[in-house]
Amino acid sequence: MVRPTFFSAVTDRIDSAASQRGVRAAAVLLMAALTAAAAQVSVPLPFTPVPLTFQPMIVLLGGVALGSTLGMWSQVAYLALGLLGLPVFAASPLLPQGLARLAGPTGGYLLCYPVAAFVAGWLAERGLDRRYLGSVAAMAAGLVVIYASGTAWLALMTPSAAGGFQAALAAGVYPFVLADIFKLFLAAGVMPGLWKLTGLRGSQQE
């Protein structure tokens, strides 16, 4: 059973179909902009090409709030901005902006953002965003997608002589997992809090 996300519950109250489409397009662009803004708050680490950023939490929150389709398109829009050469990726003294960033060692994380947002949004559409533990589960599933894709990409980019998959875990998972889990536990309270605060329910769809 598909249940409305918080965003769809709000926009369903708009009478005009054209206005609904405009609001949805604006929400997609806003989430893309927020993802770009989160990339600018980054901490480069000397032992890995992967910077510490707030992007994963924005990606997952966007998916949970907007739902699978709009959440996915918000991250497609973000990547499109990067492909156009706009400085939307995390600042790095080693990694360039644009297409070269997506083909570089951190490309696996970036390219899976639409999938991670879709997964978190799909679970939210099954009602997991209504309660805290459900929201944690939905966002954790998306975070697993990000880690799996990023680690696999890093392993492909890492020569086997340099450690391969184990080196990828050491560079792309171990330094970040505790911080990301902490941020996830904080971010997971946003949507259940909004549902409770506003008293919205939304209509259910089979």
N, C-alpha and C. Protein backbone atom coordinates (compact mmCIF):
# COMPACT_ATOMS: atom_id res chain seq x y z
N MET A 1 0.84 -1.20 0.00
CA MET A 1 0.00 0.00 0.00
C MET A 1 0.88 1.25 0.00
N VAL A 2 0.64 2.12 -0.94
CA VAL A 2 1.41 3.35 -1.05
C VAL A 2 0.74 4.43 -0.19
N ARG A 3 1.54 5.07 0.63
CA ARG A 3 1.05 6.14 1.47
C ARG A 3 1.73 7.44 1.05
N PRO A 4 1.08 8.57 1.24
CA PRO A 4 1.67 9.84 0.81
C PRO A 4 2.87 10.22 1.67
N THR A 5 3.86 10.79 1.04
CA THR A 5 4.95 11.41 1.79
C THR A 5 4.46 12.74 2.33
N PHE A 6 5.26 13.33 3.18
CA PHE A 6 4.86 14.62 3.76
C PHE A 6 4.66 15.67 2.66
N PHE A 7 5.56 15.69 1.69
CA PHE A 7 5.46 16.68 0.62
C PHE A 7 4.20 16.47 -0.21
N SER A 8 3.88 15.22 -0.54
CA SER A 8 2.68 14.98 -1.34
C SER A 8 1.42 15.29 -0.55
N ALA A 9 1.46 15.06 0.76
CA ALA A 9 0.30 15.40 1.58
C ALA A 9 0.06 16.91 1.58
N VAL A 10 1.14 17.67 1.52
CA VAL A 10 1.00 19.14 1.48
C VAL A 10 0.53 19.59 0.10
N THR A 11 1.15 19.08 -0.96
CA THR A 11 0.82 19.55 -2.30
C THR A 11 -0.54 19.04 -2.77
N ASP A 12 -1.02 17.95 -2.22
CA ASP A 12 -2.35 17.46 -2.60
C ASP A 12 -3.44 18.45 -2.24
N ARG A 13 -3.13 19.37 -1.35
CA ARG A 13 -4.13 20.37 -0.94
C ARG A 13 -4.20 21.54 -1.92
N ILE A 14 -3.28 21.58 -2.88
CA ILE A 14 -3.30 22.64 -3.89
C ILE A 14 -4.30 22.26 -4.97
N ASP A 15 -5.24 23.12 -5.25
CA ASP A 15 -6.33 22.80 -6.17
C ASP A 15 -5.87 22.72 -7.63
N SER A 16 -5.02 23.65 -8.06
CA SER A 16 -4.62 23.74 -9.46
C SER A 16 -3.55 22.71 -9.79
N ALA A 17 -3.79 21.92 -10.85
CA ALA A 17 -2.80 20.93 -11.28
C ALA A 17 -1.51 21.62 -11.74
N ALA A 18 -1.66 22.76 -12.41
CA ALA A 18 -0.47 23.49 -12.87
C ALA A 18 0.34 23.99 -11.69
N SER A 19 -0.35 24.44 -10.66
CA SER A 19 0.36 24.92 -9.46
C SER A 19 1.06 23.76 -8.77
N GLN A 20 0.42 22.59 -8.73
CA GLN A 20 1.06 21.42 -8.14
C GLN A 20 2.35 21.07 -8.87
N ARG A 21 2.28 21.08 -10.20
CA ARG A 21 3.48 20.77 -10.98
C ARG A 21 4.58 21.80 -10.73
N GLY A 22 4.21 23.07 -10.63
CA GLY A 22 5.20 24.10 -10.37
C GLY A 22 5.85 23.94 -9.02
N VAL A 23 5.05 23.61 -8.00
CA VAL A 23 5.59 23.41 -6.66
C VAL A 23 6.51 22.20 -6.62
N ARG A 24 6.13 21.15 -7.32
CA ARG A 24 6.98 19.95 -7.35
C ARG A 24 8.30 20.22 -8.06
N ALA A 25 8.26 20.96 -9.17
CA ALA A 25 9.49 21.31 -9.87
C ALA A 25 10.39 22.17 -8.98
N ALA A 26 9.77 23.11 -8.26
CA ALA A 26 10.54 23.98 -7.36
C ALA A 26 11.17 23.16 -6.24
N ALA A 27 10.44 22.16 -5.73
CA ALA A 27 10.97 21.34 -4.65
C ALA A 27 12.16 20.51 -5.14
N VAL A 28 12.07 20.00 -6.36
CA VAL A 28 13.19 19.23 -6.94
C VAL A 28 14.43 20.11 -7.06
N LEU A 29 14.25 21.32 -7.58
CA LEU A 29 15.39 22.23 -7.74
C LEU A 29 15.94 22.68 -6.39
N LEU A 30 15.04 22.90 -5.43
CA LEU A 30 15.49 23.31 -4.09
C LEU A 30 16.33 22.21 -3.46
N MET A 31 15.90 20.97 -3.57
CA MET A 31 16.66 19.88 -2.98
C MET A 31 18.01 19.71 -3.68
N ALA A 32 18.03 19.92 -4.99
CA ALA A 32 19.30 19.88 -5.72
C ALA A 32 20.23 20.98 -5.20
N ALA A 33 19.67 22.17 -4.97
CA ALA A 33 20.47 23.29 -4.46
C ALA A 33 20.96 23.00 -3.05
N LEU A 34 20.12 22.38 -2.22
CA LEU A 34 20.54 22.05 -0.86
C LEU A 34 21.65 21.00 -0.86
N THR A 35 21.58 20.06 -1.79
CA THR A 35 22.65 19.07 -1.92
C THR A 35 23.96 19.75 -2.31
N ALA A 36 23.87 20.69 -3.23
CA ALA A 36 25.06 21.45 -3.63
C ALA A 36 25.61 22.26 -2.47
N ALA A 37 24.71 22.87 -1.70
CA ALA A 37 25.15 23.67 -0.55
C ALA A 37 25.82 22.78 0.50
N ALA A 38 25.25 21.59 0.73
CA ALA A 38 25.84 20.68 1.71
C ALA A 38 27.24 20.23 1.29
N ALA A 39 27.48 20.17 -0.02
CA ALA A 39 28.80 19.78 -0.51
C ALA A 39 29.86 20.80 -0.16
N GLN A 40 29.44 22.05 0.02
CA GLN A 40 30.41 23.09 0.31
C GLN A 40 30.87 23.06 1.77
N VAL A 41 30.09 22.36 2.60
CA VAL A 41 30.51 22.17 4.00
C VAL A 41 31.23 20.82 4.06
N SER A 42 32.47 20.82 3.69
CA SER A 42 33.22 19.57 3.58
C SER A 42 34.55 19.68 4.30
N VAL A 43 35.00 18.52 4.77
CA VAL A 43 36.29 18.45 5.46
C VAL A 43 37.15 17.43 4.73
N PRO A 44 38.18 17.87 3.99
CA PRO A 44 39.07 16.91 3.33
C PRO A 44 39.91 16.16 4.36
N LEU A 45 40.09 14.88 4.13
CA LEU A 45 40.89 14.05 5.03
C LEU A 45 42.16 13.63 4.30
N PRO A 46 43.30 13.70 4.97
CA PRO A 46 44.58 13.47 4.27
C PRO A 46 44.79 12.05 3.80
N PHE A 47 44.07 11.07 4.37
CA PHE A 47 44.33 9.67 4.05
C PHE A 47 43.31 9.07 3.09
N THR A 48 42.41 9.90 2.54
CA THR A 48 41.41 9.38 1.62
C THR A 48 40.97 10.49 0.66
N PRO A 49 40.61 10.14 -0.58
CA PRO A 49 40.10 11.16 -1.50
C PRO A 49 38.65 11.54 -1.22
N VAL A 50 38.00 10.81 -0.33
CA VAL A 50 36.59 11.05 -0.03
C VAL A 50 36.48 12.09 1.09
N PRO A 51 35.86 13.25 0.84
CA PRO A 51 35.73 14.25 1.89
C PRO A 51 34.55 13.94 2.81
N LEU A 52 34.60 14.48 4.00
CA LEU A 52 33.49 14.38 4.94
C LEU A 52 32.52 15.52 4.65
N THR A 53 31.28 15.20 4.28
CA THR A 53 30.28 16.22 3.95
C THR A 53 28.94 15.86 4.58
N PHE A 54 27.99 16.80 4.47
CA PHE A 54 26.63 16.57 4.93
C PHE A 54 25.72 16.08 3.80
N GLN A 55 26.27 15.86 2.63
CA GLN A 55 25.45 15.49 1.48
C GLN A 55 24.60 14.24 1.68
N PRO A 56 25.15 13.15 2.21
CA PRO A 56 24.30 11.95 2.33
C PRO A 56 23.01 12.20 3.09
N MET A 57 23.07 12.99 4.15
CA MET A 57 21.86 13.23 4.93
C MET A 57 20.85 14.07 4.16
N ILE A 58 21.33 15.02 3.36
CA ILE A 58 20.42 15.82 2.53
C ILE A 58 19.78 14.95 1.46
N VAL A 59 20.57 14.09 0.85
CA VAL A 59 20.05 13.17 -0.18
C VAL A 59 18.96 12.30 0.41
N LEU A 60 19.20 11.73 1.58
CA LEU A 60 18.25 10.80 2.19
C LEU A 60 17.02 11.53 2.71
N LEU A 61 17.22 12.68 3.30
CA LEU A 61 16.07 13.48 3.76
C LEU A 61 15.20 13.90 2.58
N GLY A 62 15.86 14.26 1.47
CA GLY A 62 15.11 14.63 0.28
C GLY A 62 14.27 13.48 -0.23
N GLY A 63 14.83 12.28 -0.22
CA GLY A 63 14.07 11.13 -0.66
C GLY A 63 12.88 10.84 0.24
N VAL A 64 13.11 10.89 1.55
CA VAL A 64 12.04 10.61 2.50
C VAL A 64 10.94 11.67 2.43
N ALA A 65 11.34 12.93 2.26
CA ALA A 65 10.36 14.02 2.24
C ALA A 65 9.60 14.09 0.93
N LEU A 66 10.30 13.93 -0.19
CA LEU A 66 9.68 14.12 -1.50
C LEU A 66 9.09 12.85 -2.08
N GLY A 67 9.58 11.69 -1.62
CA GLY A 67 9.15 10.44 -2.21
C GLY A 67 10.15 9.94 -3.24
N SER A 68 9.91 8.73 -3.73
CA SER A 68 10.90 8.07 -4.58
C SER A 68 11.18 8.82 -5.87
N THR A 69 10.13 9.21 -6.59
CA THR A 69 10.33 9.81 -7.92
C THR A 69 10.94 11.21 -7.82
N LEU A 70 10.32 12.07 -7.04
CA LEU A 70 10.84 13.44 -6.94
C LEU A 70 12.19 13.47 -6.24
N GLY A 71 12.37 12.62 -5.24
CA GLY A 71 13.68 12.54 -4.59
C GLY A 71 14.76 12.14 -5.56
N MET A 72 14.45 11.15 -6.39
CA MET A 72 15.42 10.72 -7.40
C MET A 72 15.73 11.84 -8.38
N TRP A 73 14.69 12.52 -8.89
CA TRP A 73 14.92 13.58 -9.87
C TRP A 73 15.68 14.76 -9.27
N SER A 74 15.53 15.00 -7.98
CA SER A 74 16.29 16.09 -7.37
C SER A 74 17.78 15.81 -7.44
N GLN A 75 18.16 14.54 -7.29
CA GLN A 75 19.58 14.20 -7.36
C GLN A 75 20.07 14.09 -8.79
N VAL A 76 19.19 13.71 -9.71
CA VAL A 76 19.55 13.77 -11.13
C VAL A 76 19.83 15.21 -11.52
N ALA A 77 18.99 16.13 -11.03
CA ALA A 77 19.20 17.56 -11.31
C ALA A 77 20.53 18.04 -10.72
N TYR A 78 20.84 17.57 -9.51
CA TYR A 78 22.12 17.95 -8.89
C TYR A 78 23.30 17.48 -9.74
N LEU A 79 23.26 16.24 -10.18
CA LEU A 79 24.36 15.73 -11.00
C LEU A 79 24.44 16.46 -12.34
N ALA A 80 23.28 16.82 -12.89
CA ALA A 80 23.27 17.56 -14.16
C ALA A 80 23.95 18.91 -13.99
N LEU A 81 23.71 19.57 -12.86
CA LEU A 81 24.39 20.84 -12.60
C LEU A 81 25.90 20.64 -12.56
N GLY A 82 26.32 19.53 -11.95
CA GLY A 82 27.75 19.24 -11.90
C GLY A 82 28.33 18.96 -13.27
N LEU A 83 27.58 18.24 -14.09
CA LEU A 83 28.06 17.94 -15.45
C LEU A 83 28.18 19.20 -16.29
N LEU A 84 27.37 20.20 -15.98
CA LEU A 84 27.46 21.47 -16.70
C LEU A 84 28.68 22.29 -16.28
N GLY A 85 29.39 21.80 -15.28
CA GLY A 85 30.61 22.48 -14.84
C GLY A 85 30.42 23.43 -13.69
N LEU A 86 29.21 23.52 -13.15
CA LEU A 86 28.98 24.39 -11.99
C LEU A 86 29.67 23.80 -10.77
N PRO A 87 30.17 24.63 -9.87
CA PRO A 87 30.94 24.13 -8.71
C PRO A 87 30.04 23.60 -7.60
N VAL A 88 29.32 22.52 -7.90
CA VAL A 88 28.36 21.99 -6.94
C VAL A 88 28.92 20.80 -6.15
N PHE A 89 30.05 20.28 -6.58
CA PHE A 89 30.66 19.17 -5.86
C PHE A 89 31.56 19.72 -4.75
N ALA A 90 31.89 18.86 -3.80
CA ALA A 90 32.72 19.29 -2.68
C ALA A 90 34.06 19.82 -3.17
N ALA A 91 34.49 20.91 -2.57
CA ALA A 91 35.78 21.49 -2.93
C ALA A 91 36.90 20.51 -2.61
N SER A 92 37.84 20.39 -3.53
CA SER A 92 38.95 19.46 -3.35
C SER A 92 40.18 19.99 -4.05
N PRO A 93 41.33 19.92 -3.37
CA PRO A 93 42.57 20.35 -4.03
C PRO A 93 43.05 19.36 -5.08
N LEU A 94 42.49 18.14 -5.07
CA LEU A 94 42.94 17.09 -5.98
C LEU A 94 41.92 16.73 -7.05
N LEU A 95 40.63 16.80 -6.69
CA LEU A 95 39.58 16.34 -7.59
C LEU A 95 38.93 17.51 -8.29
N PRO A 96 38.78 17.45 -9.62
CA PRO A 96 38.20 18.56 -10.37
C PRO A 96 36.69 18.56 -10.27
N GLN A 97 36.07 19.66 -10.70
CA GLN A 97 34.63 19.72 -10.86
C GLN A 97 34.25 19.09 -12.21
N GLY A 98 32.97 19.02 -12.48
CA GLY A 98 32.50 18.55 -13.78
C GLY A 98 32.56 17.05 -13.96
N LEU A 99 32.55 16.61 -15.21
CA LEU A 99 32.50 15.19 -15.55
C LEU A 99 33.66 14.42 -14.95
N ALA A 100 34.82 15.03 -14.86
CA ALA A 100 35.98 14.32 -14.33
C ALA A 100 35.77 13.89 -12.88
N ARG A 101 34.96 14.64 -12.12
CA ARG A 101 34.68 14.24 -10.73
C ARG A 101 33.88 12.94 -10.70
N LEU A 102 32.92 12.82 -11.61
CA LEU A 102 32.10 11.61 -11.64
C LEU A 102 32.89 10.40 -12.10
N ALA A 103 33.93 10.64 -12.89
CA ALA A 103 34.77 9.54 -13.36
C ALA A 103 35.92 9.26 -12.39
N GLY A 104 36.04 10.08 -11.34
CA GLY A 104 37.13 9.93 -10.40
C GLY A 104 36.81 8.96 -9.27
N PRO A 105 37.66 8.92 -8.25
CA PRO A 105 37.50 7.92 -7.17
C PRO A 105 36.24 8.09 -6.34
N THR A 106 35.67 9.29 -6.28
CA THR A 106 34.45 9.50 -5.50
C THR A 106 33.18 9.43 -6.36
N GLY A 107 33.33 9.09 -7.63
CA GLY A 107 32.18 9.07 -8.53
C GLY A 107 31.10 8.08 -8.11
N GLY A 108 31.48 6.98 -7.50
CA GLY A 108 30.51 5.98 -7.09
C GLY A 108 29.52 6.50 -6.08
N TYR A 109 29.99 7.37 -5.18
CA TYR A 109 29.09 7.97 -4.20
C TYR A 109 28.10 8.91 -4.89
N LEU A 110 28.62 9.77 -5.74
CA LEU A 110 27.77 10.77 -6.39
C LEU A 110 26.75 10.14 -7.33
N LEU A 111 27.19 9.18 -8.13
CA LEU A 111 26.31 8.61 -9.14
C LEU A 111 25.16 7.81 -8.52
N CYS A 112 25.33 7.34 -7.30
CA CYS A 112 24.26 6.56 -6.68
C CYS A 112 23.28 7.42 -5.88
N TYR A 113 23.52 8.73 -5.81
CA TYR A 113 22.59 9.57 -5.05
C TYR A 113 21.14 9.44 -5.53
N PRO A 114 20.87 9.44 -6.84
CA PRO A 114 19.47 9.25 -7.26
C PRO A 114 18.88 7.92 -6.79
N VAL A 115 19.69 6.86 -6.81
CA VAL A 115 19.20 5.55 -6.36
C VAL A 115 18.94 5.56 -4.86
N ALA A 116 19.85 6.14 -4.10
CA ALA A 116 19.68 6.20 -2.64
C ALA A 116 18.44 6.99 -2.27
N ALA A 117 18.22 8.13 -2.94
CA ALA A 117 17.03 8.93 -2.68
C ALA A 117 15.77 8.16 -3.05
N PHE A 118 15.83 7.42 -4.16
CA PHE A 118 14.67 6.62 -4.58
C PHE A 118 14.34 5.56 -3.53
N VAL A 119 15.35 4.85 -3.05
CA VAL A 119 15.13 3.79 -2.06
C VAL A 119 14.53 4.36 -0.78
N ALA A 120 15.11 5.44 -0.26
CA ALA A 120 14.58 6.05 0.96
C ALA A 120 13.16 6.55 0.74
N GLY A 121 12.91 7.15 -0.43
CA GLY A 121 11.57 7.64 -0.74
C GLY A 121 10.57 6.52 -0.91
N TRP A 122 10.98 5.42 -1.53
CA TRP A 122 10.08 4.27 -1.71
C TRP A 122 9.64 3.72 -0.36
N LEU A 123 10.57 3.64 0.57
CA LEU A 123 10.22 3.16 1.91
C LEU A 123 9.34 4.17 2.65
N ALA A 124 9.59 5.45 2.44
CA ALA A 124 8.72 6.46 3.05
C ALA A 124 7.30 6.34 2.52
N GLU A 125 7.17 6.00 1.24
CA GLU A 125 5.85 5.81 0.64
C GLU A 125 5.13 4.58 1.19
N ARG A 126 5.83 3.75 1.93
CA ARG A 126 5.21 2.62 2.63
C ARG A 126 4.96 2.95 4.09
N GLY A 127 5.08 4.22 4.44
CA GLY A 127 4.73 4.69 5.77
C GLY A 127 5.85 4.69 6.78
N LEU A 128 7.08 4.38 6.37
CA LEU A 128 8.17 4.31 7.34
C LEU A 128 8.59 5.67 7.86
N ASP A 129 8.19 6.74 7.17
CA ASP A 129 8.59 8.07 7.62
C ASP A 129 7.70 8.60 8.72
N ARG A 130 6.65 7.87 9.09
CA ARG A 130 5.69 8.38 10.10
C ARG A 130 6.22 8.24 11.52
N ARG A 131 7.08 7.26 11.75
CA ARG A 131 7.62 7.02 13.09
C ARG A 131 9.14 7.03 13.04
N TYR A 132 9.74 7.32 14.19
CA TYR A 132 11.18 7.53 14.23
C TYR A 132 11.96 6.31 13.76
N LEU A 133 11.68 5.14 14.31
CA LEU A 133 12.45 3.95 13.93
C LEU A 133 12.25 3.60 12.47
N GLY A 134 11.05 3.82 11.95
CA GLY A 134 10.82 3.59 10.53
C GLY A 134 11.63 4.54 9.68
N SER A 135 11.70 5.80 10.10
CA SER A 135 12.50 6.80 9.39
C SER A 135 13.98 6.43 9.42
N VAL A 136 14.44 5.95 10.57
CA VAL A 136 15.83 5.47 10.66
C VAL A 136 16.07 4.36 9.65
N ALA A 137 15.14 3.41 9.56
CA ALA A 137 15.30 2.28 8.65
C ALA A 137 15.32 2.73 7.19
N ALA A 138 14.41 3.65 6.84
CA ALA A 138 14.35 4.14 5.45
C ALA A 138 15.64 4.84 5.06
N MET A 139 16.14 5.70 5.95
CA MET A 139 17.36 6.43 5.65
C MET A 139 18.58 5.52 5.69
N ALA A 140 18.57 4.54 6.59
CA ALA A 140 19.69 3.60 6.67
C ALA A 140 19.79 2.77 5.39
N ALA A 141 18.65 2.40 4.82
CA ALA A 141 18.67 1.65 3.57
C ALA A 141 19.31 2.47 2.45
N GLY A 142 18.97 3.74 2.39
CA GLY A 142 19.59 4.61 1.40
C GLY A 142 21.08 4.80 1.65
N LEU A 143 21.46 4.88 2.93
CA LEU A 143 22.88 5.03 3.26
C LEU A 143 23.67 3.80 2.86
N VAL A 144 23.08 2.62 3.01
CA VAL A 144 23.74 1.38 2.58
C VAL A 144 24.00 1.42 1.07
N VAL A 145 23.04 1.94 0.32
CA VAL A 145 23.22 2.07 -1.13
C VAL A 145 24.42 2.96 -1.43
N ILE A 146 24.52 4.09 -0.73
CA ILE A 146 25.63 5.03 -0.95
C ILE A 146 26.96 4.37 -0.64
N TYR A 147 27.04 3.70 0.50
CA TYR A 147 28.29 3.05 0.89
C TYR A 147 28.65 1.93 -0.08
N ALA A 148 27.67 1.12 -0.46
CA ALA A 148 27.95 -0.01 -1.35
C ALA A 148 28.46 0.47 -2.70
N SER A 149 27.79 1.46 -3.27
CA SER A 149 28.22 1.98 -4.57
C SER A 149 29.57 2.67 -4.47
N GLY A 150 29.74 3.51 -3.45
CA GLY A 150 31.00 4.23 -3.31
C GLY A 150 32.18 3.31 -3.09
N THR A 151 31.97 2.27 -2.26
CA THR A 151 33.05 1.34 -1.97
C THR A 151 33.41 0.50 -3.19
N ALA A 152 32.38 0.04 -3.90
CA ALA A 152 32.64 -0.76 -5.11
C ALA A 152 33.41 0.05 -6.14
N TRP A 153 33.03 1.32 -6.31
CA TRP A 153 33.72 2.19 -7.26
C TRP A 153 35.17 2.42 -6.84
N LEU A 154 35.36 2.70 -5.54
CA LEU A 154 36.72 2.90 -5.04
C LEU A 154 37.58 1.66 -5.25
N ALA A 155 36.99 0.48 -5.04
CA ALA A 155 37.74 -0.76 -5.22
C ALA A 155 38.17 -0.93 -6.67
N LEU A 156 37.28 -0.54 -7.60
CA LEU A 156 37.64 -0.62 -9.01
C LEU A 156 38.77 0.35 -9.35
N MET A 157 38.77 1.49 -8.65
CA MET A 157 39.77 2.52 -8.92
C MET A 157 41.09 2.25 -8.20
N THR A 158 41.07 1.28 -7.26
CA THR A 158 42.25 1.01 -6.46
C THR A 158 42.98 -0.21 -7.00
N PRO A 159 44.24 -0.11 -7.37
CA PRO A 159 44.97 -1.29 -7.85
C PRO A 159 44.98 -2.39 -6.80
N SER A 160 44.88 -3.62 -7.26
CA SER A 160 44.84 -4.75 -6.33
C SER A 160 46.08 -4.79 -5.45
N ALA A 161 47.19 -4.32 -5.99
CA ALA A 161 48.43 -4.30 -5.20
C ALA A 161 48.33 -3.33 -4.03
N ALA A 162 47.42 -2.36 -4.15
CA ALA A 162 47.27 -1.37 -3.08
C ALA A 162 46.21 -1.79 -2.06
N GLY A 163 45.63 -2.95 -2.23
CA GLY A 163 44.69 -3.43 -1.22
C GLY A 163 43.31 -3.72 -1.73
N GLY A 164 42.95 -3.22 -2.92
CA GLY A 164 41.66 -3.51 -3.51
C GLY A 164 40.49 -3.16 -2.63
N PHE A 165 39.62 -4.14 -2.36
CA PHE A 165 38.38 -3.90 -1.63
C PHE A 165 38.66 -3.47 -0.19
N GLN A 166 39.63 -4.06 0.45
CA GLN A 166 39.96 -3.68 1.82
C GLN A 166 40.44 -2.23 1.88
N ALA A 167 41.22 -1.83 0.90
CA ALA A 167 41.68 -0.44 0.84
C ALA A 167 40.51 0.50 0.61
N ALA A 168 39.53 0.05 -0.19
CA ALA A 168 38.35 0.87 -0.45
C ALA A 168 37.53 1.05 0.83
N LEU A 169 37.40 -0.01 1.60
CA LEU A 169 36.69 0.10 2.88
C LEU A 169 37.42 1.07 3.82
N ALA A 170 38.73 0.96 3.85
CA ALA A 170 39.52 1.82 4.74
C ALA A 170 39.44 3.28 4.33
N ALA A 171 39.30 3.53 3.02
CA ALA A 171 39.26 4.91 2.53
C ALA A 171 37.85 5.47 2.44
N GLY A 172 36.84 4.60 2.23
CA GLY A 172 35.51 5.11 1.93
C GLY A 172 34.42 4.78 2.91
N VAL A 173 34.71 3.92 3.91
CA VAL A 173 33.67 3.54 4.87
C VAL A 173 34.11 3.80 6.31
N TYR A 174 35.19 3.18 6.71
CA TYR A 174 35.59 3.22 8.12
C TYR A 174 35.72 4.64 8.68
N PRO A 175 36.30 5.60 7.94
CA PRO A 175 36.44 6.93 8.53
C PRO A 175 35.13 7.69 8.70
N PHE A 176 34.05 7.23 8.03
CA PHE A 176 32.83 8.01 7.96
C PHE A 176 31.63 7.38 8.65
N VAL A 177 31.68 6.07 8.88
CA VAL A 177 30.45 5.37 9.25
C VAL A 177 29.89 5.84 10.59
N LEU A 178 30.72 6.08 11.59
CA LEU A 178 30.20 6.51 12.88
C LEU A 178 29.57 7.89 12.80
N ALA A 179 30.24 8.81 12.09
CA ALA A 179 29.69 10.15 11.93
C ALA A 179 28.39 10.12 11.15
N ASP A 180 28.33 9.29 10.10
CA ASP A 180 27.11 9.22 9.29
C ASP A 180 25.96 8.60 10.08
N ILE A 181 26.24 7.60 10.89
CA ILE A 181 25.19 7.01 11.72
C ILE A 181 24.65 8.03 12.72
N PHE A 182 25.57 8.79 13.31
CA PHE A 182 25.14 9.83 14.26
C PHE A 182 24.25 10.86 13.56
N LYS A 183 24.68 11.32 12.38
CA LYS A 183 23.88 12.29 11.63
C LYS A 183 22.55 11.69 11.21
N LEU A 184 22.55 10.41 10.86
CA LEU A 184 21.31 9.75 10.46
C LEU A 184 20.31 9.71 11.61
N PHE A 185 20.79 9.39 12.82
CA PHE A 185 19.88 9.35 13.97
C PHE A 185 19.27 10.72 14.25
N LEU A 186 20.03 11.77 14.00
CA LEU A 186 19.50 13.12 14.17
C LEU A 186 18.50 13.46 13.07
N ALA A 187 18.89 13.20 11.82
CA ALA A 187 18.05 13.57 10.68
C ALA A 187 16.76 12.76 10.62
N ALA A 188 16.79 11.54 11.14
CA ALA A 188 15.62 10.67 11.05
C ALA A 188 14.44 11.20 11.85
N GLY A 189 14.68 12.11 12.77
CA GLY A 189 13.58 12.66 13.55
C GLY A 189 12.82 13.77 12.85
N VAL A 190 13.33 14.25 11.72
CA VAL A 190 12.73 15.41 11.06
C VAL A 190 11.32 15.10 10.56
N MET A 191 11.18 14.05 9.75
CA MET A 191 9.88 13.78 9.14
C MET A 191 8.83 13.33 10.15
N PRO A 192 9.13 12.40 11.07
CA PRO A 192 8.12 12.09 12.08
C PRO A 192 7.70 13.32 12.88
N GLY A 193 8.67 14.21 13.14
CA GLY A 193 8.34 15.43 13.86
C GLY A 193 7.40 16.33 13.07
N LEU A 194 7.63 16.45 11.77
CA LEU A 194 6.75 17.27 10.94
C LEU A 194 5.34 16.67 10.83
N TRP A 195 5.26 15.35 10.69
CA TRP A 195 3.94 14.71 10.65
C TRP A 195 3.17 15.00 11.93
N LYS A 196 3.85 14.87 13.06
CA LYS A 196 3.19 15.08 14.34
C LYS A 196 2.84 16.54 14.56
N LEU A 197 3.75 17.42 14.17
CA LEU A 197 3.55 18.85 14.39
C LEU A 197 2.38 19.39 13.58
N THR A 198 2.27 18.95 12.33
CA THR A 198 1.24 19.49 11.44
C THR A 198 -0.08 18.74 11.52
N GLY A 199 -0.05 17.50 12.00
CA GLY A 199 -1.27 16.71 12.06
C GLY A 199 -1.75 16.24 10.71
N LEU A 200 -0.92 16.34 9.67
CA LEU A 200 -1.30 15.87 8.34
C LEU A 200 -1.37 14.35 8.31
N ARG A 201 -2.25 13.85 7.46
CA ARG A 201 -2.35 12.41 7.27
C ARG A 201 -2.20 12.03 5.81
N GLY A 202 -2.94 12.71 4.94
CA GLY A 202 -2.90 12.39 3.52
C GLY A 202 -3.72 11.16 3.20
N SER A 203 -4.10 11.04 1.96
CA SER A 203 -4.93 9.90 1.53
C SER A 203 -4.04 8.73 1.17
N GLN A 204 -4.51 7.52 1.42
CA GLN A 204 -3.78 6.30 1.07
C GLN A 204 -4.16 5.86 -0.32
N GLN A 205 -3.22 5.25 -1.01
CA GLN A 205 -3.46 4.72 -2.34
C GLN A 205 -3.04 3.26 -2.40
N GLU A 206 -3.88 2.45 -3.07
CA GLU A 206 -3.52 1.04 -3.23
C GLU A 206 -2.43 0.91 -4.28
